[in-house]
Amino acid sequence: MMIELKVKKYGNSLGVILPKEAAAKLNVLEGDALYLTDGVNGGLRITAEDPNFSAQMQAAESIIKRYRNTLRELAK
């Protein structure tokens, strides 16, 4: 799928409008966050997935494993 986007000036910034098909493919609604990450060959990639989410989940899982008994007691 390739969709052409037009860049427009909004105040002192530049922006693009996502067509309905692109928003549906990204599964985003008004107010959702999008992320630009480094892509291949110096390009950029746009995604609706937080690039830091997996690192945050790994940290949370490590804490849950380390304090499993404490968390179990607090849940009572």
PDB file of N, CA and C in Angstrom:
ATOM      1  N   MET A   1       0.846  -1.177   0.000  1.00  0.00           N
ATOM      2  CA  MET A   1       0.000   0.000   0.000  1.00  0.00           C
ATOM      3  C   MET A   1       0.890   1.237   0.000  1.00  0.00           C
ATOM      4  N   MET A   2       0.619   2.133  -0.893  1.00  0.00           N
ATOM      5  CA  MET A   2       1.331   3.405  -0.930  1.00  0.00           C
ATOM      6  C   MET A   2       0.303   4.521  -1.042  1.00  0.00           C
ATOM      7  N   ILE A   3       0.378   5.456  -0.091  1.00  0.00           N
ATOM      8  CA  ILE A   3      -0.542   6.595  -0.074  1.00  0.00           C
ATOM      9  C   ILE A   3       0.289   7.865  -0.104  1.00  0.00           C
ATOM     10  N   GLU A   4      -0.015   8.740  -1.031  1.00  0.00           N
ATOM     11  CA  GLU A   4       0.691  10.010  -1.114  1.00  0.00           C
ATOM     12  C   GLU A   4       0.049  11.003  -0.157  1.00  0.00           C
ATOM     13  N   LEU A   5       0.879  11.669   0.634  1.00  0.00           N
ATOM     14  CA  LEU A   5       0.416  12.690   1.573  1.00  0.00           C
ATOM     15  C   LEU A   5       0.964  14.037   1.130  1.00  0.00           C
ATOM     16  N   LYS A   6       0.184  15.068   1.248  1.00  0.00           N
ATOM     17  CA  LYS A   6       0.618  16.425   0.925  1.00  0.00           C
ATOM     18  C   LYS A   6       1.018  17.133   2.210  1.00  0.00           C
ATOM     19  N   VAL A   7       2.149  17.802   2.168  1.00  0.00           N
ATOM     20  CA  VAL A   7       2.635  18.564   3.316  1.00  0.00           C
ATOM     21  C   VAL A   7       2.047  19.963   3.229  1.00  0.00           C
ATOM     22  N   LYS A   8       1.465  20.418   4.347  1.00  0.00           N
ATOM     23  CA  LYS A   8       0.857  21.749   4.402  1.00  0.00           C
ATOM     24  C   LYS A   8       1.432  22.517   5.589  1.00  0.00           C
ATOM     25  N   LYS A   9       1.413  23.822   5.465  1.00  0.00           N
ATOM     26  CA  LYS A   9       1.900  24.670   6.544  1.00  0.00           C
ATOM     27  C   LYS A   9       0.757  24.940   7.531  1.00  0.00           C
ATOM     28  N   TYR A  10       1.048  24.733   8.815  1.00  0.00           N
ATOM     29  CA  TYR A  10       0.113  25.019   9.907  1.00  0.00           C
ATOM     30  C   TYR A  10       0.848  25.906  10.896  1.00  0.00           C
ATOM     31  N   GLY A  11       0.617  27.208  10.837  1.00  0.00           N
ATOM     32  CA  GLY A  11       1.351  28.135  11.692  1.00  0.00           C
ATOM     33  C   GLY A  11       2.816  28.117  11.307  1.00  0.00           C
ATOM     34  N   ASN A  12       3.689  27.853  12.273  1.00  0.00           N
ATOM     35  CA  ASN A  12       5.127  27.767  12.007  1.00  0.00           C
ATOM     36  C   ASN A  12       5.574  26.336  11.764  1.00  0.00           C
ATOM     37  N   SER A  13       4.644  25.412  11.701  1.00  0.00           N
ATOM     38  CA  SER A  13       4.970  23.993  11.532  1.00  0.00           C
ATOM     39  C   SER A  13       4.473  23.487  10.187  1.00  0.00           C
ATOM     40  N   LEU A  14       4.876  22.272   9.873  1.00  0.00           N
ATOM     41  CA  LEU A  14       4.378  21.571   8.700  1.00  0.00           C
ATOM     42  C   LEU A  14       3.600  20.362   9.171  1.00  0.00           C
ATOM     43  N   GLY A  15       2.585  19.981   8.427  1.00  0.00           N
ATOM     44  CA  GLY A  15       1.781  18.836   8.827  1.00  0.00           C
ATOM     45  C   GLY A  15       1.226  18.103   7.628  1.00  0.00           C
ATOM     46  N   VAL A  16       0.728  16.911   7.889  1.00  0.00           N
ATOM     47  CA  VAL A  16       0.069  16.111   6.865  1.00  0.00           C
ATOM     48  C   VAL A  16      -1.274  15.652   7.417  1.00  0.00           C
ATOM     49  N   ILE A  17      -2.212  15.403   6.538  1.00  0.00           N
ATOM     50  CA  ILE A  17      -3.514  14.869   6.931  1.00  0.00           C
ATOM     51  C   ILE A  17      -3.550  13.415   6.502  1.00  0.00           C
ATOM     52  N   LEU A  18      -3.914  12.536   7.434  1.00  0.00           N
ATOM     53  CA  LEU A  18      -4.017  11.122   7.109  1.00  0.00           C
ATOM     54  C   LEU A  18      -5.363  10.842   6.456  1.00  0.00           C
ATOM     55  N   PRO A  19      -5.351  10.257   5.279  1.00  0.00           N
ATOM     56  CA  PRO A  19      -6.618   9.844   4.680  1.00  0.00           C
ATOM     57  C   PRO A  19      -7.274   8.756   5.527  1.00  0.00           C
ATOM     58  N   LYS A  20      -8.550   8.592   5.361  1.00  0.00           N
ATOM     59  CA  LYS A  20      -9.317   7.630   6.150  1.00  0.00           C
ATOM     60  C   LYS A  20      -8.732   6.225   6.058  1.00  0.00           C
ATOM     61  N   GLU A  21      -8.231   5.823   4.889  1.00  0.00           N
ATOM     62  CA  GLU A  21      -7.649   4.491   4.717  1.00  0.00           C
ATOM     63  C   GLU A  21      -6.388   4.317   5.561  1.00  0.00           C
ATOM     64  N   ALA A  22      -5.540   5.357   5.609  1.00  0.00           N
ATOM     65  CA  ALA A  22      -4.309   5.295   6.400  1.00  0.00           C
ATOM     66  C   ALA A  22      -4.632   5.256   7.886  1.00  0.00           C
ATOM     67  N   ALA A  23      -5.598   6.063   8.325  1.00  0.00           N
ATOM     68  CA  ALA A  23      -5.987   6.064   9.738  1.00  0.00           C
ATOM     69  C   ALA A  23      -6.554   4.704  10.136  1.00  0.00           C
ATOM     70  N   ALA A  24      -7.321   4.092   9.242  1.00  0.00           N
ATOM     71  CA  ALA A  24      -7.879   2.769   9.527  1.00  0.00           C
ATOM     72  C   ALA A  24      -6.773   1.722   9.620  1.00  0.00           C
ATOM     73  N   LYS A  25      -5.802   1.784   8.722  1.00  0.00           N
ATOM     74  CA  LYS A  25      -4.695   0.826   8.724  1.00  0.00           C
ATOM     75  C   LYS A  25      -3.855   0.976   9.990  1.00  0.00           C
ATOM     76  N   LEU A  26      -3.651   2.212  10.440  1.00  0.00           N
ATOM     77  CA  LEU A  26      -2.897   2.456  11.681  1.00  0.00           C
ATOM     78  C   LEU A  26      -3.756   2.240  12.929  1.00  0.00           C
ATOM     79  N   ASN A  27      -5.066   2.126  12.727  1.00  0.00           N
ATOM     80  CA  ASN A  27      -6.004   1.957  13.834  1.00  0.00           C
ATOM     81  C   ASN A  27      -5.907   3.120  14.827  1.00  0.00           C
ATOM     82  N   VAL A  28      -5.957   4.349  14.296  1.00  0.00           N
ATOM     83  CA  VAL A  28      -5.867   5.544  15.129  1.00  0.00           C
ATOM     84  C   VAL A  28      -7.125   6.387  14.983  1.00  0.00           C
ATOM     85  N   LEU A  29      -7.406   7.120  16.050  1.00  0.00           N
ATOM     86  CA  LEU A  29      -8.524   8.053  16.081  1.00  0.00           C
ATOM     87  C   LEU A  29      -7.989   9.430  16.432  1.00  0.00           C
ATOM     88  N   GLU A  30      -8.827  10.433  16.328  1.00  0.00           N
ATOM     89  CA  GLU A  30      -8.436  11.794  16.679  1.00  0.00           C
ATOM     90  C   GLU A  30      -7.932  11.828  18.121  1.00  0.00           C
ATOM     91  N   GLY A  31      -6.782  12.450  18.311  1.00  0.00           N
ATOM     92  CA  GLY A  31      -6.195  12.575  19.641  1.00  0.00           C
ATOM     93  C   GLY A  31      -5.176  11.495  19.967  1.00  0.00           C
ATOM     94  N   ASP A  32      -5.117  10.416  19.179  1.00  0.00           N
ATOM     95  CA  ASP A  32      -4.123   9.367  19.410  1.00  0.00           C
ATOM     96  C   ASP A  32      -2.737   9.871  19.042  1.00  0.00           C
ATOM     97  N   ALA A  33      -1.715   9.250  19.626  1.00  0.00           N
ATOM     98  CA  ALA A  33      -0.333   9.618  19.330  1.00  0.00           C
ATOM     99  C   ALA A  33       0.214   8.743  18.207  1.00  0.00           C
ATOM    100  N   LEU A  34       1.013   9.344  17.352  1.00  0.00           N
ATOM    101  CA  LEU A  34       1.764   8.622  16.333  1.00  0.00           C
ATOM    102  C   LEU A  34       3.242   8.863  16.589  1.00  0.00           C
ATOM    103  N   TYR A  35       4.082   7.931  16.166  1.00  0.00           N
ATOM    104  CA  TYR A  35       5.510   8.019  16.433  1.00  0.00           C
ATOM    105  C   TYR A  35       6.282   7.898  15.129  1.00  0.00           C
ATOM    106  N   LEU A  36       7.267   8.749  14.962  1.00  0.00           N
ATOM    107  CA  LEU A  36       8.202   8.650  13.846  1.00  0.00           C
ATOM    108  C   LEU A  36       9.473   8.011  14.382  1.00  0.00           C
ATOM    109  N   THR A  37       9.879   6.925  13.764  1.00  0.00           N
ATOM    110  CA  THR A  37      11.114   6.246  14.159  1.00  0.00           C
ATOM    111  C   THR A  37      12.008   6.122  12.941  1.00  0.00           C
ATOM    112  N   ASP A  38      13.279   5.855  13.188  1.00  0.00           N
ATOM    113  CA  ASP A  38      14.214   5.666  12.089  1.00  0.00           C
ATOM    114  C   ASP A  38      13.836   4.438  11.288  1.00  0.00           C
ATOM    115  N   GLY A  39      13.853   4.580   9.992  1.00  0.00           N
ATOM    116  CA  GLY A  39      13.547   3.475   9.093  1.00  0.00           C
ATOM    117  C   GLY A  39      14.807   3.031   8.373  1.00  0.00           C
ATOM    118  N   VAL A  40      14.635   2.212   7.379  1.00  0.00           N
ATOM    119  CA  VAL A  40      15.772   1.718   6.611  1.00  0.00           C
ATOM    120  C   VAL A  40      16.260   2.786   5.639  1.00  0.00           C
ATOM    121  N   ASN A  41      17.539   2.730   5.315  1.00  0.00           N
ATOM    122  CA  ASN A  41      18.162   3.633   4.349  1.00  0.00           C
ATOM    123  C   ASN A  41      17.986   5.108   4.695  1.00  0.00           C
ATOM    124  N   GLY A  42      17.975   5.446   5.985  1.00  0.00           N
ATOM    125  CA  GLY A  42      17.880   6.838   6.409  1.00  0.00           C
ATOM    126  C   GLY A  42      16.484   7.420   6.352  1.00  0.00           C
ATOM    127  N   GLY A  43      15.496   6.597   6.062  1.00  0.00           N
ATOM    128  CA  GLY A  43      14.116   7.068   6.007  1.00  0.00           C
ATOM    129  C   GLY A  43      13.482   7.112   7.382  1.00  0.00           C
ATOM    130  N   LEU A  44      12.207   7.436   7.408  1.00  0.00           N
ATOM    131  CA  LEU A  44      11.439   7.458   8.646  1.00  0.00           C
ATOM    132  C   LEU A  44      10.270   6.490   8.527  1.00  0.00           C
ATOM    133  N   ARG A  45       9.830   6.001   9.664  1.00  0.00           N
ATOM    134  CA  ARG A  45       8.696   5.080   9.722  1.00  0.00           C
ATOM    135  C   ARG A  45       7.677   5.684  10.674  1.00  0.00           C
ATOM    136  N   ILE A  46       6.418   5.688  10.289  1.00  0.00           N
ATOM    137  CA  ILE A  46       5.356   6.198  11.161  1.00  0.00           C
ATOM    138  C   ILE A  46       4.596   5.003  11.715  1.00  0.00           C
ATOM    139  N   THR A  47       4.355   5.019  13.016  1.00  0.00           N
ATOM    140  CA  THR A  47       3.669   3.920  13.666  1.00  0.00           C
ATOM    141  C   THR A  47       2.805   4.440  14.806  1.00  0.00           C
ATOM    142  N   ALA A  48       1.804   3.669  15.161  1.00  0.00           N
ATOM    143  CA  ALA A  48       0.955   4.019  16.293  1.00  0.00           C
ATOM    144  C   ALA A  48       1.428   3.302  17.553  1.00  0.00           C
ATOM    145  N   GLU A  49       2.456   2.457  17.428  1.00  0.00           N
ATOM    146  CA  GLU A  49       2.993   1.712  18.572  1.00  0.00           C
ATOM    147  C   GLU A  49       4.107   2.510  19.222  1.00  0.00           C
ATOM    148  N   ASP A  50       4.043   2.654  20.534  1.00  0.00           N
ATOM    149  CA  ASP A  50       5.075   3.366  21.280  1.00  0.00           C
ATOM    150  C   ASP A  50       6.374   2.570  21.191  1.00  0.00           C
ATOM    151  N   PRO A  51       7.448   3.154  20.630  1.00  0.00           N
ATOM    152  CA  PRO A  51       8.701   2.415  20.478  1.00  0.00           C
ATOM    153  C   PRO A  51       9.354   2.037  21.806  1.00  0.00           C
ATOM    154  N   ASN A  52       8.987   2.688  22.896  1.00  0.00           N
ATOM    155  CA  ASN A  52       9.563   2.383  24.202  1.00  0.00           C
ATOM    156  C   ASN A  52       8.739   1.364  24.983  1.00  0.00           C
ATOM    157  N   PHE A  53       7.607   0.948  24.437  1.00  0.00           N
ATOM    158  CA  PHE A  53       6.694   0.082  25.175  1.00  0.00           C
ATOM    159  C   PHE A  53       7.329  -1.243  25.556  1.00  0.00           C
ATOM    160  N   SER A  54       8.040  -1.892  24.650  1.00  0.00           N
ATOM    161  CA  SER A  54       8.613  -3.206  24.970  1.00  0.00           C
ATOM    162  C   SER A  54       9.668  -3.092  26.063  1.00  0.00           C
ATOM    163  N   ALA A  55      10.459  -2.035  26.051  1.00  0.00           N
ATOM    164  CA  ALA A  55      11.464  -1.844  27.102  1.00  0.00           C
ATOM    165  C   ALA A  55      10.781  -1.598  28.448  1.00  0.00           C
ATOM    166  N   GLN A  56       9.690  -0.838  28.442  1.00  0.00           N
ATOM    167  CA  GLN A  56       8.956  -0.577  29.679  1.00  0.00           C
ATOM    168  C   GLN A  56       8.332  -1.865  30.211  1.00  0.00           C
ATOM    169  N   MET A  57       7.809  -2.693  29.324  1.00  0.00           N
ATOM    170  CA  MET A  57       7.213  -3.964  29.751  1.00  0.00           C
ATOM    171  C   MET A  57       8.270  -4.908  30.319  1.00  0.00           C
ATOM    172  N   GLN A  58       9.448  -4.942  29.738  1.00  0.00           N
ATOM    173  CA  GLN A  58      10.520  -5.782  30.260  1.00  0.00           C
ATOM    174  C   GLN A  58      10.917  -5.324  31.657  1.00  0.00           C
ATOM    175  N   ALA A  59      10.991  -4.029  31.874  1.00  0.00           N
ATOM    176  CA  ALA A  59      11.319  -3.500  33.196  1.00  0.00           C
ATOM    177  C   ALA A  59      10.225  -3.863  34.194  1.00  0.00           C
ATOM    178  N   ALA A  60       8.966  -3.737  33.796  1.00  0.00           N
ATOM    179  CA  ALA A  60       7.852  -4.078  34.679  1.00  0.00           C
ATOM    180  C   ALA A  60       7.864  -5.565  35.019  1.00  0.00           C
ATOM    181  N   GLU A  61       8.115  -6.427  34.041  1.00  0.00           N
ATOM    182  CA  GLU A  61       8.164  -7.867  34.294  1.00  0.00           C
ATOM    183  C   GLU A  61       9.292  -8.229  35.243  1.00  0.00           C
ATOM    184  N   SER A  62      10.420  -7.544  35.113  1.00  0.00           N
ATOM    185  CA  SER A  62      11.551  -7.778  36.023  1.00  0.00           C
ATOM    186  C   SER A  62      11.169  -7.412  37.459  1.00  0.00           C
ATOM    187  N   ILE A  63      10.491  -6.286  37.632  1.00  0.00           N
ATOM    188  CA  ILE A  63      10.060  -5.858  38.970  1.00  0.00           C
ATOM    189  C   ILE A  63       9.026  -6.826  39.525  1.00  0.00           C
ATOM    190  N   ILE A  64       8.101  -7.266  38.695  1.00  0.00           N
ATOM    191  CA  ILE A  64       7.063  -8.202  39.149  1.00  0.00           C
ATOM    192  C   ILE A  64       7.697  -9.504  39.615  1.00  0.00           C
ATOM    193  N   LYS A  65       8.692 -10.005  38.882  1.00  0.00           N
ATOM    194  CA  LYS A  65       9.367 -11.243  39.276  1.00  0.00           C
ATOM    195  C   LYS A  65      10.122 -11.058  40.593  1.00  0.00           C
ATOM    196  N   ARG A  66      10.810  -9.924  40.723  1.00  0.00           N
ATOM    197  CA  ARG A  66      11.631  -9.675  41.904  1.00  0.00           C
ATOM    198  C   ARG A  66      10.770  -9.500  43.159  1.00  0.00           C
ATOM    199  N   TYR A  67       9.631  -8.844  43.027  1.00  0.00           N
ATOM    200  CA  TYR A  67       8.792  -8.541  44.188  1.00  0.00           C
ATOM    201  C   TYR A  67       7.472  -9.314  44.155  1.00  0.00           C
ATOM    202  N   ARG A  68       7.500 -10.510  43.617  1.00  0.00           N
ATOM    203  CA  ARG A  68       6.290 -11.305  43.457  1.00  0.00           C
ATOM    204  C   ARG A  68       5.555 -11.529  44.773  1.00  0.00           C
ATOM    205  N   ASN A  69       6.270 -11.928  45.809  1.00  0.00           N
ATOM    206  CA  ASN A  69       5.621 -12.194  47.107  1.00  0.00           C
ATOM    207  C   ASN A  69       5.074 -10.901  47.720  1.00  0.00           C
ATOM    208  N   THR A  70       5.808  -9.822  47.626  1.00  0.00           N
ATOM    209  CA  THR A  70       5.348  -8.551  48.153  1.00  0.00           C
ATOM    210  C   THR A  70       4.088  -8.091  47.441  1.00  0.00           C
ATOM    211  N   LEU A  71       4.067  -8.194  46.129  1.00  0.00           N
ATOM    212  CA  LEU A  71       2.888  -7.791  45.374  1.00  0.00           C
ATOM    213  C   LEU A  71       1.682  -8.680  45.691  1.00  0.00           C
ATOM    214  N   ARG A  72       1.945  -9.961  45.912  1.00  0.00           N
ATOM    215  CA  ARG A  72       0.860 -10.878  46.274  1.00  0.00           C
ATOM    216  C   ARG A  72       0.248 -10.467  47.610  1.00  0.00           C
ATOM    217  N   GLU A  73       1.081 -10.106  48.571  1.00  0.00           N
ATOM    218  CA  GLU A  73       0.572  -9.682  49.890  1.00  0.00           C
ATOM    219  C   GLU A  73      -0.197  -8.367  49.784  1.00  0.00           C
ATOM    220  N   LEU A  74       0.294  -7.452  48.967  1.00  0.00           N
ATOM    221  CA  LEU A  74      -0.390  -6.164  48.809  1.00  0.00           C
ATOM    222  C   LEU A  74      -1.747  -6.336  48.119  1.00  0.00           C
ATOM    223  N   ALA A  75      -1.884  -7.364  47.302  1.00  0.00           N
ATOM    224  CA  ALA A  75      -3.123  -7.574  46.578  1.00  0.00           C
ATOM    225  C   ALA A  75      -4.230  -8.132  47.469  1.00  0.00           C
ATOM    226  N   LYS A  76      -3.876  -8.596  48.655  1.00  0.00           N
ATOM    227  CA  LYS A  76      -4.905  -9.171  49.569  1.00  0.00           C
ATOM    228  C   LYS A  76      -5.787  -8.105  50.135  1.00  0.00           C
TER     229      LYS A  76
END
